[in-house]
């Protein structure tokens, strides 16, 4: 008799429960007898609600400079926690159909790392700006191999005609599907693979004034 799953993450569904084709056979596809080379997995998650809440939670230069006249427009810790829950839900959805053990373990790490942010929401998001995301280096499809895929969704890049692959400015130059990594970057602000902070401020070295040094030398001359 099957036992109830008690782990922290939902178990992967049985192999035969995953649909063979997530795309409906529209009349156009039937008419042209379009066949997919192999079953495709619809693993990308609709994040419209996430970005709608992000627009209220994320602090922009304009919102920081202009005081909020409507107190209900000011984001609360509960709003921030909800945002991280939505991000966690995205990863949990992908986790339920993870195609490999490594992908499942990787997603579990990301999911677990969000627990602290949900339990104790930060006063402000550490994520990057939309301008930062828009400025990420794009990866040309010509440089991609057939087996190159996104570490988050594991869908080969070349399977999606409209997939936009970006390269992060971390030391590992890790690449992701922009649709997958965008929510993580906007809210967490690190590379999902190496956790390097994308917007880490560089410390400005203190430069001593030459005039002060000369005055000091004169005193001891």
C-alpha atoms as a PDB file:
ATOM      1  CA  UNK A   1       0.000   0.000   0.000  1.00  0.00           C
ATOM      2  CA  UNK A   2       1.339   3.421  -0.941  1.00  0.00           C
ATOM      3  CA  UNK A   3       2.417   5.610   1.952  1.00  0.00           C
ATOM      4  CA  UNK A   4       1.633   9.298   2.239  1.00  0.00           C
ATOM      5  CA  UNK A   5       4.439  11.643   1.227  1.00  0.00           C
ATOM      6  CA  UNK A   6       5.714  13.627   4.200  1.00  0.00           C
ATOM      7  CA  UNK A   7       8.704  15.486   2.756  1.00  0.00           C
ATOM      8  CA  UNK A   8       9.070  19.271   2.634  1.00  0.00           C
ATOM      9  CA  UNK A   9       8.458  19.343  -1.113  1.00  0.00           C
ATOM     10  CA  UNK A  10       5.681  17.737  -3.145  1.00  0.00           C
ATOM     11  CA  UNK A  11       6.758  14.482  -4.821  1.00  0.00           C
ATOM     12  CA  UNK A  12       7.181  14.365  -8.605  1.00  0.00           C
ATOM     13  CA  UNK A  13       4.120  13.010 -10.418  1.00  0.00           C
ATOM     14  CA  UNK A  14       4.195   9.499 -11.906  1.00  0.00           C
ATOM     15  CA  UNK A  15       5.743   9.388 -15.340  1.00  0.00           C
ATOM     16  CA  UNK A  16       2.477   8.437 -16.990  1.00  0.00           C
ATOM     17  CA  UNK A  17       0.674  11.420 -15.414  1.00  0.00           C
ATOM     18  CA  UNK A  18       2.680  14.013 -17.342  1.00  0.00           C
ATOM     19  CA  UNK A  19       0.806  15.052 -20.509  1.00  0.00           C
ATOM     20  CA  UNK A  20       2.483  14.042 -23.737  1.00  0.00           C
ATOM     21  CA  UNK A  21       1.750  17.363 -25.372  1.00  0.00           C
ATOM     22  CA  UNK A  22       0.949  20.596 -23.565  1.00  0.00           C
ATOM     23  CA  UNK A  23      -0.001  22.399 -26.769  1.00  0.00           C
ATOM     24  CA  UNK A  24      -3.591  21.925 -28.006  1.00  0.00           C
ATOM     25  CA  UNK A  25      -3.964  20.619 -31.529  1.00  0.00           C
ATOM     26  CA  UNK A  26      -5.462  23.687 -33.170  1.00  0.00           C
ATOM     27  CA  UNK A  27      -7.100  23.385 -36.606  1.00  0.00           C
ATOM     28  CA  UNK A  28      -4.020  25.016 -38.131  1.00  0.00           C
ATOM     29  CA  UNK A  29      -1.736  22.354 -36.677  1.00  0.00           C
ATOM     30  CA  UNK A  30      -4.081  19.574 -37.749  1.00  0.00           C
ATOM     31  CA  UNK A  31      -4.416  20.988 -41.260  1.00  0.00           C
ATOM     32  CA  UNK A  32      -0.661  21.126 -41.763  1.00  0.00           C
ATOM     33  CA  UNK A  33      -0.056  17.834 -39.946  1.00  0.00           C
ATOM     34  CA  UNK A  34       2.463  19.478 -37.625  1.00  0.00           C
ATOM     35  CA  UNK A  35       4.277  16.920 -35.468  1.00  0.00           C
ATOM     36  CA  UNK A  36       6.607  17.627 -32.571  1.00  0.00           C
ATOM     37  CA  UNK A  37       9.867  15.706 -32.643  1.00  0.00           C
ATOM     38  CA  UNK A  38       9.393  14.753 -28.967  1.00  0.00           C
ATOM     39  CA  UNK A  39       6.947  15.606 -26.172  1.00  0.00           C
ATOM     40  CA  UNK A  40       7.299  19.148 -24.906  1.00  0.00           C
ATOM     41  CA  UNK A  41       6.736  20.147 -21.300  1.00  0.00           C
ATOM     42  CA  UNK A  42       4.876  23.350 -20.561  1.00  0.00           C
ATOM     43  CA  UNK A  43       7.007  24.236 -17.536  1.00  0.00           C
ATOM     44  CA  UNK A  44       6.974  28.015 -17.645  1.00  0.00           C
ATOM     45  CA  UNK A  45       4.732  29.647 -15.068  1.00  0.00           C
ATOM     46  CA  UNK A  46       2.469  32.667 -15.539  1.00  0.00           C
ATOM     47  CA  UNK A  47       3.965  35.371 -13.308  1.00  0.00           C
ATOM     48  CA  UNK A  48       1.524  38.195 -14.109  1.00  0.00           C
ATOM     49  CA  UNK A  49       0.346  38.429 -10.483  1.00  0.00           C
ATOM     50  CA  UNK A  50       3.947  38.481  -9.290  1.00  0.00           C
ATOM     51  CA  UNK A  51       4.882  41.453 -11.450  1.00  0.00           C
ATOM     52  CA  UNK A  52       1.664  43.266 -10.560  1.00  0.00           C
ATOM     53  CA  UNK A  53       2.582  43.040  -6.868  1.00  0.00           C
ATOM     54  CA  UNK A  54       6.224  43.808  -7.632  1.00  0.00           C
ATOM     55  CA  UNK A  55       5.205  47.150  -9.122  1.00  0.00           C
ATOM     56  CA  UNK A  56       3.774  48.097  -5.725  1.00  0.00           C
ATOM     57  CA  UNK A  57       6.512  46.617  -3.556  1.00  0.00           C
ATOM     58  CA  UNK A  58       9.659  47.561  -5.468  1.00  0.00           C
ATOM     59  CA  UNK A  59      11.040  50.988  -4.671  1.00  0.00           C
ATOM     60  CA  UNK A  60      11.920  53.058  -7.723  1.00  0.00           C
ATOM     61  CA  UNK A  61      13.871  56.341  -7.699  1.00  0.00           C
ATOM     62  CA  UNK A  62      10.635  58.202  -8.436  1.00  0.00           C
ATOM     63  CA  UNK A  63       8.692  56.538  -5.635  1.00  0.00           C
ATOM     64  CA  UNK A  64      11.530  57.069  -3.178  1.00  0.00           C
ATOM     65  CA  UNK A  65      11.648  60.798  -3.922  1.00  0.00           C
ATOM     66  CA  UNK A  66       7.884  61.329  -3.832  1.00  0.00           C
ATOM     67  CA  UNK A  67       6.071  60.819  -0.520  1.00  0.00           C
ATOM     68  CA  UNK A  68       3.031  58.564  -0.697  1.00  0.00           C
ATOM     69  CA  UNK A  69      -0.183  60.489  -0.054  1.00  0.00           C
ATOM     70  CA  UNK A  70      -2.234  57.298   0.067  1.00  0.00           C
ATOM     71  CA  UNK A  71      -1.170  55.159   3.046  1.00  0.00           C
ATOM     72  CA  UNK A  72      -2.677  52.086   1.367  1.00  0.00           C
ATOM     73  CA  UNK A  73      -0.217  52.543  -1.516  1.00  0.00           C
ATOM     74  CA  UNK A  74       2.737  52.015   0.792  1.00  0.00           C
ATOM     75  CA  UNK A  75       3.944  48.385   0.640  1.00  0.00           C
ATOM     76  CA  UNK A  76       3.839  46.461   3.897  1.00  0.00           C
ATOM     77  CA  UNK A  77       5.980  43.536   5.131  1.00  0.00           C
ATOM     78  CA  UNK A  78       2.998  41.316   4.325  1.00  0.00           C
ATOM     79  CA  UNK A  79       3.156  42.477   0.695  1.00  0.00           C
ATOM     80  CA  UNK A  80       6.848  41.632   0.529  1.00  0.00           C
ATOM     81  CA  UNK A  81       6.231  38.214   2.065  1.00  0.00           C
ATOM     82  CA  UNK A  82       3.469  37.573  -0.486  1.00  0.00           C
ATOM     83  CA  UNK A  83       5.874  38.463  -3.278  1.00  0.00           C
ATOM     84  CA  UNK A  84       8.388  35.868  -2.108  1.00  0.00           C
ATOM     85  CA  UNK A  85       5.588  33.314  -1.734  1.00  0.00           C
ATOM     86  CA  UNK A  86       4.653  33.864  -5.375  1.00  0.00           C
ATOM     87  CA  UNK A  87       8.270  33.346  -6.376  1.00  0.00           C
ATOM     88  CA  UNK A  88       8.356  30.209  -4.244  1.00  0.00           C
ATOM     89  CA  UNK A  89       5.148  28.995  -5.906  1.00  0.00           C
ATOM     90  CA  UNK A  90       6.781  29.410  -9.317  1.00  0.00           C
ATOM     91  CA  UNK A  91       9.668  27.203  -8.250  1.00  0.00           C
ATOM     92  CA  UNK A  92       7.377  24.672  -6.547  1.00  0.00           C
ATOM     93  CA  UNK A  93       5.362  24.326  -9.748  1.00  0.00           C
ATOM     94  CA  UNK A  94       8.536  23.611 -11.692  1.00  0.00           C
ATOM     95  CA  UNK A  95       9.678  21.235  -8.948  1.00  0.00           C
ATOM     96  CA  UNK A  96       6.622  18.999  -9.359  1.00  0.00           C
ATOM     97  CA  UNK A  97       7.632  18.183 -12.947  1.00  0.00           C
ATOM     98  CA  UNK A  98      11.407  18.406 -12.598  1.00  0.00           C
ATOM     99  CA  UNK A  99      12.853  16.156 -15.332  1.00  0.00           C
ATOM    100  CA  UNK A 100      16.043  15.229 -13.458  1.00  0.00           C
ATOM    101  CA  UNK A 101      17.159  14.638  -9.891  1.00  0.00           C
ATOM    102  CA  UNK A 102      19.725  17.427 -10.196  1.00  0.00           C
ATOM    103  CA  UNK A 103      17.094  19.909 -11.349  1.00  0.00           C
ATOM    104  CA  UNK A 104      14.802  18.887  -8.506  1.00  0.00           C
ATOM    105  CA  UNK A 105      17.603  19.370  -5.955  1.00  0.00           C
ATOM    106  CA  UNK A 106      18.533  22.750  -7.459  1.00  0.00           C
ATOM    107  CA  UNK A 107      14.944  23.977  -7.247  1.00  0.00           C
ATOM    108  CA  UNK A 108      14.673  22.741  -3.655  1.00  0.00           C
ATOM    109  CA  UNK A 109      17.688  24.866  -2.730  1.00  0.00           C
ATOM    110  CA  UNK A 110      16.093  27.959  -4.249  1.00  0.00           C
ATOM    111  CA  UNK A 111      12.757  27.235  -2.580  1.00  0.00           C
ATOM    112  CA  UNK A 112      14.328  26.740   0.845  1.00  0.00           C
ATOM    113  CA  UNK A 113      16.394  29.913   0.540  1.00  0.00           C
ATOM    114  CA  UNK A 114      13.177  31.954   0.365  1.00  0.00           C
ATOM    115  CA  UNK A 115      11.806  30.725   3.698  1.00  0.00           C
ATOM    116  CA  UNK A 116      13.658  33.355   5.736  1.00  0.00           C
ATOM    117  CA  UNK A 117      12.460  36.141   3.424  1.00  0.00           C
ATOM    118  CA  UNK A 118       8.868  34.984   3.939  1.00  0.00           C
ATOM    119  CA  UNK A 119       9.111  34.538   7.709  1.00  0.00           C
ATOM    120  CA  UNK A 120      10.999  37.803   8.247  1.00  0.00           C
ATOM    121  CA  UNK A 121      10.383  40.055   5.211  1.00  0.00           C
ATOM    122  CA  UNK A 122      13.097  42.640   4.539  1.00  0.00           C
ATOM    123  CA  UNK A 123      12.278  46.331   4.780  1.00  0.00           C
ATOM    124  CA  UNK A 124      13.105  46.681   1.087  1.00  0.00           C
ATOM    125  CA  UNK A 125      13.803  44.314  -1.775  1.00  0.00           C
ATOM    126  CA  UNK A 126      17.401  43.489  -2.633  1.00  0.00           C
ATOM    127  CA  UNK A 127      16.472  42.766  -6.218  1.00  0.00           C
ATOM    128  CA  UNK A 128      17.768  44.532  -9.287  1.00  0.00           C
ATOM    129  CA  UNK A 129      15.904  47.171 -11.258  1.00  0.00           C
ATOM    130  CA  UNK A 130      14.047  46.524 -14.484  1.00  0.00           C
ATOM    131  CA  UNK A 131      16.667  48.676 -16.210  1.00  0.00           C
ATOM    132  CA  UNK A 132      19.336  46.251 -15.006  1.00  0.00           C
ATOM    133  CA  UNK A 133      17.380  43.290 -16.390  1.00  0.00           C
ATOM    134  CA  UNK A 134      16.810  45.070 -19.704  1.00  0.00           C
ATOM    135  CA  UNK A 135      20.553  45.705 -19.974  1.00  0.00           C
ATOM    136  CA  UNK A 136      21.648  42.091 -19.498  1.00  0.00           C
ATOM    137  CA  UNK A 137      23.765  40.618 -22.274  1.00  0.00           C
ATOM    138  CA  UNK A 138      21.677  38.658 -24.768  1.00  0.00           C
ATOM    139  CA  UNK A 139      23.009  35.320 -25.972  1.00  0.00           C
ATOM    140  CA  UNK A 140      22.835  34.760 -29.721  1.00  0.00           C
ATOM    141  CA  UNK A 141      20.952  31.625 -30.770  1.00  0.00           C
ATOM    142  CA  UNK A 142      23.782  30.897 -33.177  1.00  0.00           C
ATOM    143  CA  UNK A 143      26.107  30.226 -30.245  1.00  0.00           C
ATOM    144  CA  UNK A 144      23.747  27.750 -28.537  1.00  0.00           C
ATOM    145  CA  UNK A 145      23.938  23.975 -28.821  1.00  0.00           C
ATOM    146  CA  UNK A 146      20.888  21.739 -29.025  1.00  0.00           C
ATOM    147  CA  UNK A 147      21.378  20.446 -25.485  1.00  0.00           C
ATOM    148  CA  UNK A 148      21.885  23.890 -23.885  1.00  0.00           C
ATOM    149  CA  UNK A 149      19.029  24.528 -21.484  1.00  0.00           C
ATOM    150  CA  UNK A 150      17.921  26.793 -18.665  1.00  0.00           C
ATOM    151  CA  UNK A 151      18.974  25.558 -15.219  1.00  0.00           C
ATOM    152  CA  UNK A 152      15.596  26.607 -13.813  1.00  0.00           C
ATOM    153  CA  UNK A 153      13.058  25.171 -16.266  1.00  0.00           C
ATOM    154  CA  UNK A 154      15.403  22.714 -18.082  1.00  0.00           C
ATOM    155  CA  UNK A 155      13.768  23.414 -21.425  1.00  0.00           C
ATOM    156  CA  UNK A 156      16.371  23.454 -24.223  1.00  0.00           C
ATOM    157  CA  UNK A 157      16.705  27.005 -25.477  1.00  0.00           C
ATOM    158  CA  UNK A 158      16.448  26.084 -29.148  1.00  0.00           C
ATOM    159  CA  UNK A 159      13.097  24.344 -28.624  1.00  0.00           C
ATOM    160  CA  UNK A 160      11.486  27.751 -28.142  1.00  0.00           C
ATOM    161  CA  UNK A 161      11.616  30.016 -31.172  1.00  0.00           C
ATOM    162  CA  UNK A 162      11.008  33.086 -29.013  1.00  0.00           C
ATOM    163  CA  UNK A 163      13.199  32.181 -26.058  1.00  0.00           C
ATOM    164  CA  UNK A 164      15.387  35.063 -24.879  1.00  0.00           C
ATOM    165  CA  UNK A 165      18.616  33.828 -23.279  1.00  0.00           C
ATOM    166  CA  UNK A 166      20.570  36.210 -21.065  1.00  0.00           C
ATOM    167  CA  UNK A 167      24.011  35.996 -19.494  1.00  0.00           C
ATOM    168  CA  UNK A 168      24.453  37.302 -15.962  1.00  0.00           C
ATOM    169  CA  UNK A 169      27.474  39.432 -15.018  1.00  0.00           C
ATOM    170  CA  UNK A 170      28.595  36.964 -12.342  1.00  0.00           C
ATOM    171  CA  UNK A 171      32.005  35.295 -12.349  1.00  0.00           C
ATOM    172  CA  UNK A 172      30.478  32.131 -13.799  1.00  0.00           C
ATOM    173  CA  UNK A 173      28.693  34.060 -16.580  1.00  0.00           C
ATOM    174  CA  UNK A 174      25.689  31.813 -16.020  1.00  0.00           C
ATOM    175  CA  UNK A 175      22.975  31.839 -18.662  1.00  0.00           C
ATOM    176  CA  UNK A 176      19.208  31.543 -18.182  1.00  0.00           C
ATOM    177  CA  UNK A 177      15.915  31.948 -19.960  1.00  0.00           C
ATOM    178  CA  UNK A 178      14.984  35.554 -19.153  1.00  0.00           C
ATOM    179  CA  UNK A 179      11.386  34.559 -18.455  1.00  0.00           C
ATOM    180  CA  UNK A 180      12.579  32.146 -15.757  1.00  0.00           C
ATOM    181  CA  UNK A 181      15.308  34.197 -14.105  1.00  0.00           C
ATOM    182  CA  UNK A 182      13.628  37.612 -14.288  1.00  0.00           C
ATOM    183  CA  UNK A 183      11.399  37.216 -11.193  1.00  0.00           C
ATOM    184  CA  UNK A 184      14.339  35.915  -9.132  1.00  0.00           C
ATOM    185  CA  UNK A 185      16.584  38.793 -10.166  1.00  0.00           C
ATOM    186  CA  UNK A 186      13.939  41.446  -9.483  1.00  0.00           C
ATOM    187  CA  UNK A 187      13.181  40.165  -5.980  1.00  0.00           C
ATOM    188  CA  UNK A 188      16.346  38.431  -4.721  1.00  0.00           C
ATOM    189  CA  UNK A 189      19.051  40.110  -6.799  1.00  0.00           C
ATOM    190  CA  UNK A 190      21.541  37.239  -6.989  1.00  0.00           C
ATOM    191  CA  UNK A 191      22.579  34.680  -9.575  1.00  0.00           C
ATOM    192  CA  UNK A 192      20.468  31.570  -8.868  1.00  0.00           C
ATOM    193  CA  UNK A 193      23.477  29.340  -9.558  1.00  0.00           C
ATOM    194  CA  UNK A 194      26.389  30.924  -7.660  1.00  0.00           C
ATOM    195  CA  UNK A 195      24.368  33.410  -5.530  1.00  0.00           C
ATOM    196  CA  UNK A 196      26.687  36.269  -6.449  1.00  0.00           C
ATOM    197  CA  UNK A 197      24.983  39.599  -5.803  1.00  0.00           C
ATOM    198  CA  UNK A 198      24.237  41.443  -9.013  1.00  0.00           C
ATOM    199  CA  UNK A 199      24.064  44.944  -7.550  1.00  0.00           C
ATOM    200  CA  UNK A 200      26.731  44.663  -4.866  1.00  0.00           C
ATOM    201  CA  UNK A 201      28.158  48.100  -4.236  1.00  0.00           C
ATOM    202  CA  UNK A 202      31.874  48.440  -4.678  1.00  0.00           C
ATOM    203  CA  UNK A 203      33.648  50.029  -1.767  1.00  0.00           C
ATOM    204  CA  UNK A 204      35.195  53.350  -2.702  1.00  0.00           C
ATOM    205  CA  UNK A 205      38.759  53.562  -1.334  1.00  0.00           C
ATOM    206  CA  UNK A 206      39.482  56.562   0.857  1.00  0.00           C
ATOM    207  CA  UNK A 207      41.973  58.898  -0.807  1.00  0.00           C
ATOM    208  CA  UNK A 208      44.028  61.045   1.514  1.00  0.00           C
ATOM    209  CA  UNK A 209      44.329  64.708   0.670  1.00  0.00           C
ATOM    210  CA  UNK A 210      47.858  65.481  -0.543  1.00  0.00           C
ATOM    211  CA  UNK A 211      47.657  68.949   1.042  1.00  0.00           C
ATOM    212  CA  UNK A 212      46.939  67.430   4.466  1.00  0.00           C
ATOM    213  CA  UNK A 213      49.899  65.076   4.107  1.00  0.00           C
ATOM    214  CA  UNK A 214      52.182  67.987   3.215  1.00  0.00           C
ATOM    215  CA  UNK A 215      50.939  70.019   6.207  1.00  0.00           C
ATOM    216  CA  UNK A 216      51.680  67.067   8.476  1.00  0.00           C
ATOM    217  CA  UNK A 217      55.192  66.736   7.085  1.00  0.00           C
ATOM    218  CA  UNK A 218      55.781  70.448   7.629  1.00  0.00           C
ATOM    219  CA  UNK A 219      54.855  70.141  11.315  1.00  0.00           C
ATOM    220  CA  UNK A 220      57.535  67.508  11.909  1.00  0.00           C
ATOM    221  CA  UNK A 221      60.194  69.128   9.720  1.00  0.00           C
END
